[in-house]
């Protein structure tokens, strides 16, 4: 489960960065045409970039520290949905599922091998 969390977290973080950059680009085009609320869209896109990086870092940490990684990925997934909604449509579910898998993997007891001799 840790490997799946690692893969989902990294993919979610990368897709989140791409989605956030696209939202910033769309907000910039709206600003060029003096559309109402374009600066707010651009600002939310810039806010989603650190959240995507948080998810990417959480995905990278999934093997070493699954609990912390799971919390980071869940925060990034939910925060990205709040910030840019449809721009996080691909990244959000990947980060949320990866975060849940990482938390579940962190709760599993480690198997111990007893050698009697």
PDB file of N, CA and C in Angstrom:
ATOM      1  N   UNK A   1       0.810  -1.198   0.000  1.00  0.00           N
ATOM      2  CA  UNK A   1       0.000   0.000   0.000  1.00  0.00           C
ATOM      3  C   UNK A   1       0.851   1.258   0.000  1.00  0.00           C
ATOM      4  N   UNK A   2       2.031   1.157   0.578  1.00  0.00           N
ATOM      5  CA  UNK A   2       2.909   2.320   0.603  1.00  0.00           C
ATOM      6  C   UNK A   2       3.365   2.690  -0.798  1.00  0.00           C
ATOM      7  N   UNK A   3       3.598   1.681  -1.634  1.00  0.00           N
ATOM      8  CA  UNK A   3       4.038   1.953  -3.006  1.00  0.00           C
ATOM      9  C   UNK A   3       2.920   2.628  -3.786  1.00  0.00           C
ATOM     10  N   UNK A   4       1.688   2.166  -3.601  1.00  0.00           N
ATOM     11  CA  UNK A   4       0.549   2.788  -4.276  1.00  0.00           C
ATOM     12  C   UNK A   4       0.380   4.231  -3.810  1.00  0.00           C
ATOM     13  N   UNK A   5       0.543   4.476  -2.520  1.00  0.00           N
ATOM     14  CA  UNK A   5       0.445   5.838  -1.995  1.00  0.00           C
ATOM     15  C   UNK A   5       1.547   6.715  -2.579  1.00  0.00           C
ATOM     16  N   UNK A   6       2.744   6.165  -2.709  1.00  0.00           N
ATOM     17  CA  UNK A   6       3.862   6.901  -3.297  1.00  0.00           C
ATOM     18  C   UNK A   6       3.546   7.309  -4.726  1.00  0.00           C
ATOM     19  N   UNK A   7       3.078   6.363  -5.525  1.00  0.00           N
ATOM     20  CA  UNK A   7       2.783   6.638  -6.936  1.00  0.00           C
ATOM     21  C   UNK A   7       1.638   7.628  -7.070  1.00  0.00           C
ATOM     22  N   UNK A   8       0.550   7.407  -6.317  1.00  0.00           N
ATOM     23  CA  UNK A   8      -0.598   8.307  -6.399  1.00  0.00           C
ATOM     24  C   UNK A   8      -0.254   9.710  -5.919  1.00  0.00           C
ATOM     25  N   UNK A   9       0.549   9.815  -4.882  1.00  0.00           N
ATOM     26  CA  UNK A   9       0.940  11.125  -4.371  1.00  0.00           C
ATOM     27  C   UNK A   9       1.796  11.899  -5.356  1.00  0.00           C
ATOM     28  N   UNK A  10       2.756  11.212  -5.959  1.00  0.00           N
ATOM     29  CA  UNK A  10       3.623  11.898  -6.926  1.00  0.00           C
ATOM     30  C   UNK A  10       2.833  12.305  -8.165  1.00  0.00           C
ATOM     31  N   UNK A  11       2.006  11.400  -8.688  1.00  0.00           N
ATOM     32  CA  UNK A  11       1.191  11.750  -9.853  1.00  0.00           C
ATOM     33  C   UNK A  11       0.204  12.869  -9.523  1.00  0.00           C
ATOM     34  N   UNK A  12      -0.423  12.791  -8.362  1.00  0.00           N
ATOM     35  CA  UNK A  12      -1.358  13.836  -7.959  1.00  0.00           C
ATOM     36  C   UNK A  12      -0.682  15.189  -7.820  1.00  0.00           C
ATOM     37  N   UNK A  13       0.511  15.206  -7.239  1.00  0.00           N
ATOM     38  CA  UNK A  13       1.249  16.466  -7.114  1.00  0.00           C
ATOM     39  C   UNK A  13       1.627  17.050  -8.463  1.00  0.00           C
ATOM     40  N   UNK A  14       2.076  16.193  -9.379  1.00  0.00           N
ATOM     41  CA  UNK A  14       2.450  16.680 -10.716  1.00  0.00           C
ATOM     42  C   UNK A  14       1.234  17.187 -11.487  1.00  0.00           C
ATOM     43  N   UNK A  15       0.142  16.429 -11.448  1.00  0.00           N
ATOM     44  CA  UNK A  15      -1.079  16.884 -12.120  1.00  0.00           C
ATOM     45  C   UNK A  15      -1.626  18.157 -11.469  1.00  0.00           C
ATOM     46  N   UNK A  16      -1.445  18.286 -10.170  1.00  0.00           N
ATOM     47  CA  UNK A  16      -1.884  19.496  -9.476  1.00  0.00           C
ATOM     48  C   UNK A  16      -1.101  20.721  -9.915  1.00  0.00           C
ATOM     49  N   UNK A  17       0.198  20.556 -10.093  1.00  0.00           N
ATOM     50  CA  UNK A  17       1.018  21.681 -10.570  1.00  0.00           C
ATOM     51  C   UNK A  17       0.570  22.092 -11.968  1.00  0.00           C
ATOM     52  N   UNK A  18       0.335  21.103 -12.829  1.00  0.00           N
ATOM     53  CA  UNK A  18      -0.123  21.405 -14.196  1.00  0.00           C
ATOM     54  C   UNK A  18      -1.480  22.106 -14.153  1.00  0.00           C
ATOM     55  N   UNK A  19      -2.400  21.601 -13.338  1.00  0.00           N
ATOM     56  CA  UNK A  19      -3.722  22.221 -13.228  1.00  0.00           C
ATOM     57  C   UNK A  19      -3.653  23.635 -12.679  1.00  0.00           C
ATOM     58  N   UNK A  20      -2.789  23.857 -11.685  1.00  0.00           N
ATOM     59  CA  UNK A  20      -2.655  25.195 -11.103  1.00  0.00           C
ATOM     60  C   UNK A  20      -2.074  26.176 -12.118  1.00  0.00           C
ATOM     61  N   UNK A  21      -1.105  25.729 -12.888  1.00  0.00           N
ATOM     62  CA  UNK A  21      -0.520  26.604 -13.915  1.00  0.00           C
ATOM     63  C   UNK A  21      -1.560  26.927 -14.988  1.00  0.00           C
ATOM     64  N   UNK A  22      -2.394  25.945 -15.332  1.00  0.00           N
ATOM     65  CA  UNK A  22      -3.451  26.217 -16.310  1.00  0.00           C
ATOM     66  C   UNK A  22      -4.456  27.231 -15.773  1.00  0.00           C
ATOM     67  N   UNK A  23      -4.784  27.142 -14.490  1.00  0.00           N
ATOM     68  CA  UNK A  23      -5.716  28.099 -13.892  1.00  0.00           C
ATOM     69  C   UNK A  23      -5.100  29.493 -13.859  1.00  0.00           C
ATOM     70  N   UNK A  24      -3.822  29.596 -13.546  1.00  0.00           N
ATOM     71  CA  UNK A  24      -3.138  30.893 -13.567  1.00  0.00           C
ATOM     72  C   UNK A  24      -3.165  31.461 -14.985  1.00  0.00           C
ATOM     73  N   UNK A  25      -2.932  30.605 -15.961  1.00  0.00           N
ATOM     74  CA  UNK A  25      -2.946  31.031 -17.363  1.00  0.00           C
ATOM     75  C   UNK A  25      -4.335  31.532 -17.766  1.00  0.00           C
ATOM     76  N   UNK A  26      -5.366  30.806 -17.384  1.00  0.00           N
ATOM     77  CA  UNK A  26      -6.735  31.215 -17.708  1.00  0.00           C
ATOM     78  C   UNK A  26      -7.087  32.524 -17.003  1.00  0.00           C
ATOM     79  N   UNK A  27      -6.667  32.672 -15.756  1.00  0.00           N
ATOM     80  CA  UNK A  27      -6.898  33.936 -15.046  1.00  0.00           C
ATOM     81  C   UNK A  27      -6.159  35.092 -15.698  1.00  0.00           C
ATOM     82  N   UNK A  28      -4.967  34.831 -16.216  1.00  0.00           N
ATOM     83  CA  UNK A  28      -4.216  35.872 -16.924  1.00  0.00           C
ATOM     84  C   UNK A  28      -4.903  36.295 -18.208  1.00  0.00           C
ATOM     85  N   UNK A  29      -5.449  35.333 -18.918  1.00  0.00           N
ATOM     86  CA  UNK A  29      -6.190  35.674 -20.143  1.00  0.00           C
ATOM     87  C   UNK A  29      -7.430  36.482 -19.787  1.00  0.00           C
ATOM     88  N   UNK A  30      -8.118  36.085 -18.708  1.00  0.00           N
ATOM     89  CA  UNK A  30      -9.283  36.855 -18.260  1.00  0.00           C
ATOM     90  C   UNK A  30      -8.906  38.266 -17.850  1.00  0.00           C
ATOM     91  N   UNK A  31      -7.735  38.399 -17.214  1.00  0.00           N
ATOM     92  CA  UNK A  31      -7.262  39.736 -16.839  1.00  0.00           C
ATOM     93  C   UNK A  31      -6.929  40.587 -18.049  1.00  0.00           C
ATOM     94  N   UNK A  32      -6.415  39.973 -19.099  1.00  0.00           N
ATOM     95  CA  UNK A  32      -6.098  40.714 -20.316  1.00  0.00           C
ATOM     96  C   UNK A  32      -7.353  41.263 -20.981  1.00  0.00           C
ATOM     97  N   UNK A  33      -8.444  40.539 -20.829  1.00  0.00           N
ATOM     98  CA  UNK A  33      -9.704  41.001 -21.394  1.00  0.00           C
ATOM     99  C   UNK A  33     -10.570  41.741 -20.375  1.00  0.00           C
ATOM    100  N   UNK A  34      -9.976  42.079 -19.234  1.00  0.00           N
ATOM    101  CA  UNK A  34     -10.640  42.824 -18.162  1.00  0.00           C
ATOM    102  C   UNK A  34     -11.908  42.131 -17.676  1.00  0.00           C
ATOM    103  N   UNK A  35     -11.838  40.803 -17.564  1.00  0.00           N
ATOM    104  CA  UNK A  35     -12.984  40.054 -17.056  1.00  0.00           C
ATOM    105  C   UNK A  35     -13.087  40.231 -15.544  1.00  0.00           C
ATOM    106  N   UNK A  36     -14.311  40.231 -15.064  1.00  0.00           N
ATOM    107  CA  UNK A  36     -14.533  40.419 -13.637  1.00  0.00           C
ATOM    108  C   UNK A  36     -14.095  39.160 -12.876  1.00  0.00           C
ATOM    109  N   UNK A  37     -13.322  39.342 -11.820  1.00  0.00           N
ATOM    110  CA  UNK A  37     -12.873  38.232 -10.991  1.00  0.00           C
ATOM    111  C   UNK A  37     -11.644  37.511 -11.510  1.00  0.00           C
ATOM    112  N   UNK A  38     -11.016  38.018 -12.561  1.00  0.00           N
ATOM    113  CA  UNK A  38      -9.851  37.346 -13.140  1.00  0.00           C
ATOM    114  C   UNK A  38      -8.662  37.359 -12.177  1.00  0.00           C
ATOM    115  N   UNK A  39      -8.494  38.432 -11.429  1.00  0.00           N
ATOM    116  CA  UNK A  39      -7.366  38.480 -10.492  1.00  0.00           C
ATOM    117  C   UNK A  39      -7.559  37.471  -9.356  1.00  0.00           C
ATOM    118  N   UNK A  40      -8.802  37.237  -8.959  1.00  0.00           N
ATOM    119  CA  UNK A  40      -9.073  36.246  -7.926  1.00  0.00           C
ATOM    120  C   UNK A  40      -8.757  34.837  -8.428  1.00  0.00           C
ATOM    121  N   UNK A  41      -9.099  34.551  -9.665  1.00  0.00           N
ATOM    122  CA  UNK A  41      -8.790  33.239 -10.261  1.00  0.00           C
ATOM    123  C   UNK A  41      -7.279  33.047 -10.312  1.00  0.00           C
ATOM    124  N   UNK A  42      -6.560  34.075 -10.716  1.00  0.00           N
ATOM    125  CA  UNK A  42      -5.099  33.989 -10.784  1.00  0.00           C
ATOM    126  C   UNK A  42      -4.513  33.759  -9.391  1.00  0.00           C
ATOM    127  N   UNK A  43      -5.015  34.466  -8.411  1.00  0.00           N
ATOM    128  CA  UNK A  43      -4.522  34.306  -7.039  1.00  0.00           C
ATOM    129  C   UNK A  43      -4.776  32.910  -6.488  1.00  0.00           C
ATOM    130  N   UNK A  44      -5.938  32.364  -6.771  1.00  0.00           N
ATOM    131  CA  UNK A  44      -6.237  31.006  -6.315  1.00  0.00           C
ATOM    132  C   UNK A  44      -5.378  29.975  -7.038  1.00  0.00           C
ATOM    133  N   UNK A  45      -5.069  30.240  -8.295  1.00  0.00           N
ATOM    134  CA  UNK A  45      -4.163  29.354  -9.020  1.00  0.00           C
ATOM    135  C   UNK A  45      -2.772  29.363  -8.406  1.00  0.00           C
ATOM    136  N   UNK A  46      -2.299  30.557  -8.030  1.00  0.00           N
ATOM    137  CA  UNK A  46      -0.999  30.646  -7.356  1.00  0.00           C
ATOM    138  C   UNK A  46      -1.038  29.981  -5.978  1.00  0.00           C
ATOM    139  N   UNK A  47      -2.179  30.005  -5.313  1.00  0.00           N
ATOM    140  CA  UNK A  47      -2.293  29.337  -4.009  1.00  0.00           C
ATOM    141  C   UNK A  47      -2.272  27.823  -4.161  1.00  0.00           C
ATOM    142  N   UNK A  48      -2.723  27.317  -5.299  1.00  0.00           N
ATOM    143  CA  UNK A  48      -2.766  25.866  -5.509  1.00  0.00           C
ATOM    144  C   UNK A  48      -1.389  25.284  -5.814  1.00  0.00           C
ATOM    145  N   UNK A  49      -0.451  26.102  -6.246  1.00  0.00           N
ATOM    146  CA  UNK A  49       0.891  25.587  -6.551  1.00  0.00           C
ATOM    147  C   UNK A  49       1.586  25.058  -5.295  1.00  0.00           C
ATOM    148  N   UNK A  50       1.638  25.813  -4.174  1.00  0.00           N
ATOM    149  CA  UNK A  50       2.259  25.230  -2.969  1.00  0.00           C
ATOM    150  C   UNK A  50       1.504  24.016  -2.433  1.00  0.00           C
ATOM    151  N   UNK A  51       0.180  23.996  -2.606  1.00  0.00           N
ATOM    152  CA  UNK A  51      -0.577  22.828  -2.173  1.00  0.00           C
ATOM    153  C   UNK A  51      -0.193  21.606  -2.997  1.00  0.00           C
ATOM    154  N   UNK A  52       0.009  21.802  -4.288  1.00  0.00           N
ATOM    155  CA  UNK A  52       0.448  20.699  -5.145  1.00  0.00           C
ATOM    156  C   UNK A  52       1.841  20.229  -4.755  1.00  0.00           C
ATOM    157  N   UNK A  53       2.711  21.164  -4.430  1.00  0.00           N
ATOM    158  CA  UNK A  53       4.051  20.787  -3.979  1.00  0.00           C
ATOM    159  C   UNK A  53       3.988  20.031  -2.655  1.00  0.00           C
ATOM    160  N   UNK A  54       3.069  20.419  -1.777  1.00  0.00           N
ATOM    161  CA  UNK A  54       2.880  19.700  -0.519  1.00  0.00           C
ATOM    162  C   UNK A  54       2.456  18.259  -0.790  1.00  0.00           C
ATOM    163  N   UNK A  55       1.541  18.075  -1.738  1.00  0.00           N
ATOM    164  CA  UNK A  55       1.122  16.722  -2.107  1.00  0.00           C
ATOM    165  C   UNK A  55       2.244  15.925  -2.732  1.00  0.00           C
ATOM    166  N   UNK A  56       3.063  16.571  -3.536  1.00  0.00           N
ATOM    167  CA  UNK A  56       4.206  15.907  -4.163  1.00  0.00           C
ATOM    168  C   UNK A  56       5.217  15.469  -3.107  1.00  0.00           C
ATOM    169  N   UNK A  57       5.496  16.327  -2.164  1.00  0.00           N
ATOM    170  CA  UNK A  57       6.424  15.978  -1.080  1.00  0.00           C
ATOM    171  C   UNK A  57       5.828  14.873  -0.209  1.00  0.00           C
ATOM    172  N   UNK A  58       4.532  14.955   0.051  1.00  0.00           N
ATOM    173  CA  UNK A  58       3.867  13.897   0.811  1.00  0.00           C
ATOM    174  C   UNK A  58       3.952  12.557   0.104  1.00  0.00           C
ATOM    175  N   UNK A  59       3.774  12.564  -1.211  1.00  0.00           N
ATOM    176  CA  UNK A  59       3.899  11.328  -1.972  1.00  0.00           C
ATOM    177  C   UNK A  59       5.299  10.761  -1.902  1.00  0.00           C
ATOM    178  N   UNK A  60       6.293  11.618  -1.947  1.00  0.00           N
ATOM    179  CA  UNK A  60       7.677  11.163  -1.877  1.00  0.00           C
ATOM    180  C   UNK A  60       8.013  10.596  -0.497  1.00  0.00           C
ATOM    181  N   UNK A  61       7.318  11.051   0.533  1.00  0.00           N
ATOM    182  CA  UNK A  61       7.580  10.586   1.899  1.00  0.00           C
ATOM    183  C   UNK A  61       6.765   9.355   2.285  1.00  0.00           C
ATOM    184  N   UNK A  62       5.944   8.850   1.386  1.00  0.00           N
ATOM    185  CA  UNK A  62       5.006   7.779   1.722  1.00  0.00           C
ATOM    186  C   UNK A  62       5.685   6.512   2.218  1.00  0.00           C
ATOM    187  N   UNK A  63       6.862   6.219   1.748  1.00  0.00           N
ATOM    188  CA  UNK A  63       7.544   4.997   2.179  1.00  0.00           C
ATOM    189  C   UNK A  63       8.172   5.163   3.559  1.00  0.00           C
ATOM    190  N   UNK A  64       8.768   6.315   3.813  1.00  0.00           N
ATOM    191  CA  UNK A  64       9.508   6.517   5.063  1.00  0.00           C
ATOM    192  C   UNK A  64       8.594   6.887   6.228  1.00  0.00           C
ATOM    193  N   UNK A  65       7.689   7.811   6.019  1.00  0.00           N
ATOM    194  CA  UNK A  65       6.801   8.284   7.094  1.00  0.00           C
ATOM    195  C   UNK A  65       5.366   8.314   6.569  1.00  0.00           C
ATOM    196  N   UNK A  66       4.696   7.170   6.582  1.00  0.00           N
ATOM    197  CA  UNK A  66       3.367   7.107   5.959  1.00  0.00           C
ATOM    198  C   UNK A  66       2.302   7.965   6.626  1.00  0.00           C
ATOM    199  N   UNK A  67       2.343   8.119   7.939  1.00  0.00           N
ATOM    200  CA  UNK A  67       1.324   8.942   8.603  1.00  0.00           C
ATOM    201  C   UNK A  67       1.442  10.410   8.211  1.00  0.00           C
ATOM    202  N   UNK A  68       2.645  10.948   8.299  1.00  0.00           N
ATOM    203  CA  UNK A  68       2.856  12.352   7.928  1.00  0.00           C
ATOM    204  C   UNK A  68       2.561  12.569   6.449  1.00  0.00           C
ATOM    205  N   UNK A  69       2.960  11.618   5.626  1.00  0.00           N
ATOM    206  CA  UNK A  69       2.715  11.730   4.190  1.00  0.00           C
ATOM    207  C   UNK A  69       1.221  11.703   3.894  1.00  0.00           C
ATOM    208  N   UNK A  70       0.484  10.847   4.593  1.00  0.00           N
ATOM    209  CA  UNK A  70      -0.954  10.770   4.377  1.00  0.00           C
ATOM    210  C   UNK A  70      -1.664  12.063   4.745  1.00  0.00           C
ATOM    211  N   UNK A  71      -1.257  12.648   5.850  1.00  0.00           N
ATOM    212  CA  UNK A  71      -1.855  13.924   6.265  1.00  0.00           C
ATOM    213  C   UNK A  71      -1.535  15.013   5.243  1.00  0.00           C
ATOM    214  N   UNK A  72      -0.287  15.042   4.772  1.00  0.00           N
ATOM    215  CA  UNK A  72       0.104  16.048   3.791  1.00  0.00           C
ATOM    216  C   UNK A  72      -0.682  15.903   2.494  1.00  0.00           C
ATOM    217  N   UNK A  73      -0.848  14.661   2.027  1.00  0.00           N
ATOM    218  CA  UNK A  73      -1.580  14.443   0.780  1.00  0.00           C
ATOM    219  C   UNK A  73      -3.061  14.782   0.933  1.00  0.00           C
ATOM    220  N   UNK A  74      -3.648  14.451   2.072  1.00  0.00           N
ATOM    221  CA  UNK A  74      -5.053  14.795   2.290  1.00  0.00           C
ATOM    222  C   UNK A  74      -5.257  16.312   2.344  1.00  0.00           C
ATOM    223  N   UNK A  75      -4.365  17.009   3.039  1.00  0.00           N
ATOM    224  CA  UNK A  75      -4.456  18.478   3.081  1.00  0.00           C
ATOM    225  C   UNK A  75      -4.312  19.080   1.691  1.00  0.00           C
ATOM    226  N   UNK A  76      -3.375  18.553   0.923  1.00  0.00           N
ATOM    227  CA  UNK A  76      -3.167  19.075  -0.429  1.00  0.00           C
ATOM    228  C   UNK A  76      -4.369  18.796  -1.320  1.00  0.00           C
ATOM    229  N   UNK A  77      -4.935  17.603  -1.228  1.00  0.00           N
ATOM    230  CA  UNK A  77      -6.085  17.258  -2.064  1.00  0.00           C
ATOM    231  C   UNK A  77      -7.308  18.097  -1.752  1.00  0.00           C
ATOM    232  N   UNK A  78      -7.633  18.203  -0.473  1.00  0.00           N
ATOM    233  CA  UNK A  78      -8.815  18.989  -0.081  1.00  0.00           C
ATOM    234  C   UNK A  78      -8.581  20.482  -0.326  1.00  0.00           C
ATOM    235  N   UNK A  79      -7.388  20.971   0.022  1.00  0.00           N
ATOM    236  CA  UNK A  79      -7.077  22.385  -0.205  1.00  0.00           C
ATOM    237  C   UNK A  79      -7.076  22.762  -1.669  1.00  0.00           C
ATOM    238  N   UNK A  80      -6.598  21.874  -2.504  1.00  0.00           N
ATOM    239  CA  UNK A  80      -6.606  22.144  -3.946  1.00  0.00           C
ATOM    240  C   UNK A  80      -8.011  22.205  -4.506  1.00  0.00           C
ATOM    241  N   UNK A  81      -8.886  21.303  -4.032  1.00  0.00           N
ATOM    242  CA  UNK A  81     -10.282  21.368  -4.461  1.00  0.00           C
ATOM    243  C   UNK A  81     -10.926  22.671  -4.023  1.00  0.00           C
ATOM    244  N   UNK A  82     -10.627  23.123  -2.820  1.00  0.00           N
ATOM    245  CA  UNK A  82     -11.196  24.373  -2.335  1.00  0.00           C
ATOM    246  C   UNK A  82     -10.671  25.552  -3.157  1.00  0.00           C
ATOM    247  N   UNK A  83      -9.388  25.522  -3.496  1.00  0.00           N
ATOM    248  CA  UNK A  83      -8.782  26.645  -4.208  1.00  0.00           C
ATOM    249  C   UNK A  83      -9.234  26.729  -5.664  1.00  0.00           C
ATOM    250  N   UNK A  84      -9.074  25.647  -6.415  1.00  0.00           N
ATOM    251  CA  UNK A  84      -9.301  25.769  -7.859  1.00  0.00           C
ATOM    252  C   UNK A  84     -10.301  24.768  -8.419  1.00  0.00           C
ATOM    253  N   UNK A  85     -11.058  24.096  -7.611  1.00  0.00           N
ATOM    254  CA  UNK A  85     -12.150  23.197  -8.003  1.00  0.00           C
ATOM    255  C   UNK A  85     -11.840  22.353  -9.230  1.00  0.00           C
ATOM    256  N   UNK A  86     -12.348  22.767 -10.383  1.00  0.00           N
ATOM    257  CA  UNK A  86     -12.235  21.955 -11.597  1.00  0.00           C
ATOM    258  C   UNK A  86     -10.786  21.822 -12.063  1.00  0.00           C
ATOM    259  N   UNK A  87      -9.943  22.768 -11.728  1.00  0.00           N
ATOM    260  CA  UNK A  87      -8.536  22.667 -12.104  1.00  0.00           C
ATOM    261  C   UNK A  87      -7.819  21.559 -11.348  1.00  0.00           C
ATOM    262  N   UNK A  88      -8.411  21.089 -10.271  1.00  0.00           N
ATOM    263  CA  UNK A  88      -7.820  20.034  -9.449  1.00  0.00           C
ATOM    264  C   UNK A  88      -8.590  18.727  -9.594  1.00  0.00           C
ATOM    265  N   UNK A  89      -9.365  18.611 -10.662  1.00  0.00           N
ATOM    266  CA  UNK A  89     -10.246  17.466 -10.841  1.00  0.00           C
ATOM    267  C   UNK A  89      -9.484  16.155 -11.001  1.00  0.00           C
ATOM    268  N   UNK A  90      -8.340  16.173 -11.589  1.00  0.00           N
ATOM    269  CA  UNK A  90      -7.534  14.965 -11.743  1.00  0.00           C
ATOM    270  C   UNK A  90      -6.613  14.751 -10.551  1.00  0.00           C
ATOM    271  N   UNK A  91      -6.018  15.824 -10.061  1.00  0.00           N
ATOM    272  CA  UNK A  91      -5.044  15.721  -8.979  1.00  0.00           C
ATOM    273  C   UNK A  91      -5.702  15.447  -7.631  1.00  0.00           C
ATOM    274  N   UNK A  92      -6.837  16.033  -7.369  1.00  0.00           N
ATOM    275  CA  UNK A  92      -7.497  15.900  -6.076  1.00  0.00           C
ATOM    276  C   UNK A  92      -7.787  14.466  -5.679  1.00  0.00           C
ATOM    277  N   UNK A  93      -8.502  13.699  -6.522  1.00  0.00           N
ATOM    278  CA  UNK A  93      -8.773  12.305  -6.141  1.00  0.00           C
ATOM    279  C   UNK A  93      -7.510  11.465  -5.982  1.00  0.00           C
ATOM    280  N   UNK A  94      -6.501  11.721  -6.809  1.00  0.00           N
ATOM    281  CA  UNK A  94      -5.248  10.975  -6.670  1.00  0.00           C
ATOM    282  C   UNK A  94      -4.605  11.247  -5.315  1.00  0.00           C
ATOM    283  N   UNK A  95      -4.566  12.506  -4.918  1.00  0.00           N
ATOM    284  CA  UNK A  95      -3.961  12.854  -3.634  1.00  0.00           C
ATOM    285  C   UNK A  95      -4.783  12.347  -2.458  1.00  0.00           C
ATOM    286  N   UNK A  96      -6.093  12.431  -2.552  1.00  0.00           N
ATOM    287  CA  UNK A  96      -6.938  11.983  -1.447  1.00  0.00           C
ATOM    288  C   UNK A  96      -6.848  10.466  -1.272  1.00  0.00           C
ATOM    289  N   UNK A  97      -6.924   9.726  -2.371  1.00  0.00           N
ATOM    290  CA  UNK A  97      -6.811   8.262  -2.273  1.00  0.00           C
ATOM    291  C   UNK A  97      -5.415   7.868  -1.807  1.00  0.00           C
ATOM    292  N   UNK A  98      -4.390   8.541  -2.328  1.00  0.00           N
ATOM    293  CA  UNK A  98      -3.028   8.269  -1.879  1.00  0.00           C
ATOM    294  C   UNK A  98      -2.847   8.563  -0.401  1.00  0.00           C
ATOM    295  N   UNK A  99      -3.456   9.637   0.077  1.00  0.00           N
ATOM    296  CA  UNK A  99      -3.376   9.977   1.491  1.00  0.00           C
ATOM    297  C   UNK A  99      -4.063   8.950   2.373  1.00  0.00           C
ATOM    298  N   UNK A 100      -5.221   8.474   1.930  1.00  0.00           N
ATOM    299  CA  UNK A 100      -5.932   7.454   2.701  1.00  0.00           C
ATOM    300  C   UNK A 100      -5.118   6.155   2.737  1.00  0.00           C
ATOM    301  N   UNK A 101      -4.585   5.760   1.588  1.00  0.00           N
ATOM    302  CA  UNK A 101      -3.765   4.547   1.548  1.00  0.00           C
ATOM    303  C   UNK A 101      -2.544   4.668   2.451  1.00  0.00           C
ATOM    304  N   UNK A 102      -1.942   5.839   2.457  1.00  0.00           N
ATOM    305  CA  UNK A 102      -0.762   6.046   3.286  1.00  0.00           C
ATOM    306  C   UNK A 102      -1.112   5.987   4.771  1.00  0.00           C
ATOM    307  N   UNK A 103      -2.236   6.560   5.146  1.00  0.00           N
ATOM    308  CA  UNK A 103      -2.655   6.498   6.548  1.00  0.00           C
ATOM    309  C   UNK A 103      -2.989   5.070   6.969  1.00  0.00           C
ATOM    310  N   UNK A 104      -3.629   4.323   6.094  1.00  0.00           N
ATOM    311  CA  UNK A 104      -3.962   2.934   6.408  1.00  0.00           C
ATOM    312  C   UNK A 104      -2.683   2.107   6.518  1.00  0.00           C
ATOM    313  N   UNK A 105      -1.730   2.362   5.637  1.00  0.00           N
ATOM    314  CA  UNK A 105      -0.460   1.627   5.693  1.00  0.00           C
ATOM    315  C   UNK A 105       0.313   1.970   6.963  1.00  0.00           C
ATOM    316  N   UNK A 106       0.160   3.179   7.460  1.00  0.00           N
ATOM    317  CA  UNK A 106       0.848   3.579   8.682  1.00  0.00           C
ATOM    318  C   UNK A 106       0.259   2.945   9.925  1.00  0.00           C
ATOM    319  N   UNK A 107      -1.014   2.536   9.870  1.00  0.00           N
ATOM    320  CA  UNK A 107      -1.661   1.937  11.032  1.00  0.00           C
ATOM    321  C   UNK A 107      -1.435   0.438  11.124  1.00  0.00           C
ATOM    322  N   UNK A 108      -1.044  -0.191  10.031  1.00  0.00           N
ATOM    323  CA  UNK A 108      -0.861  -1.637  10.039  1.00  0.00           C
ATOM    324  C   UNK A 108       0.301  -2.018  10.941  1.00  0.00           C
ATOM    325  N   UNK A 109       0.114  -3.023  11.762  1.00  0.00           N
ATOM    326  CA  UNK A 109       1.230  -3.458  12.612  1.00  0.00           C
ATOM    327  C   UNK A 109       2.314  -4.119  11.771  1.00  0.00           C
ATOM    328  N   UNK A 110       3.530  -3.900  12.166  1.00  0.00           N
ATOM    329  CA  UNK A 110       4.648  -4.486  11.446  1.00  0.00           C
ATOM    330  C   UNK A 110       4.750  -5.967  11.807  1.00  0.00           C
ATOM    331  N   UNK A 111       5.051  -6.749  10.801  1.00  0.00           N
ATOM    332  CA  UNK A 111       5.199  -8.181  11.024  1.00  0.00           C
ATOM    333  C   UNK A 111       6.560  -8.454  11.639  1.00  0.00           C
ATOM    334  N   UNK A 112       6.555  -9.266  12.648  1.00  0.00           N
ATOM    335  CA  UNK A 112       7.831  -9.639  13.268  1.00  0.00           C
ATOM    336  C   UNK A 112       8.048 -11.124  13.073  1.00  0.00           C
ATOM    337  N   UNK A 113       9.258 -11.490  12.890  1.00  0.00           N
ATOM    338  CA  UNK A 113       9.617 -12.886  12.707  1.00  0.00           C
ATOM    339  C   UNK A 113      10.372 -13.337  13.928  1.00  0.00           C
ATOM    340  N   UNK A 114       9.859 -14.378  14.565  1.00  0.00           N
ATOM    341  CA  UNK A 114      10.533 -14.925  15.735  1.00  0.00           C
ATOM    342  C   UNK A 114      11.313 -16.165  15.318  1.00  0.00           C
ATOM    343  N   UNK A 115      12.535 -16.202  15.710  1.00  0.00           N
ATOM    344  CA  UNK A 115      13.388 -17.350  15.409  1.00  0.00           C
ATOM    345  C   UNK A 115      13.661 -18.065  16.717  1.00  0.00           C
ATOM    346  N   UNK A 116      13.188 -19.269  16.794  1.00  0.00           N
ATOM    347  CA  UNK A 116      13.433 -20.042  18.010  1.00  0.00           C
ATOM    348  C   UNK A 116      14.537 -21.060  17.738  1.00  0.00           C
ATOM    349  N   UNK A 117      15.376 -21.172  18.637  1.00  0.00           N
ATOM    350  CA  UNK A 117      16.469 -22.079  18.336  1.00  0.00           C
ATOM    351  C   UNK A 117      17.110 -22.674  19.483  1.00  0.00           C
TER     352      UNK A 117
END
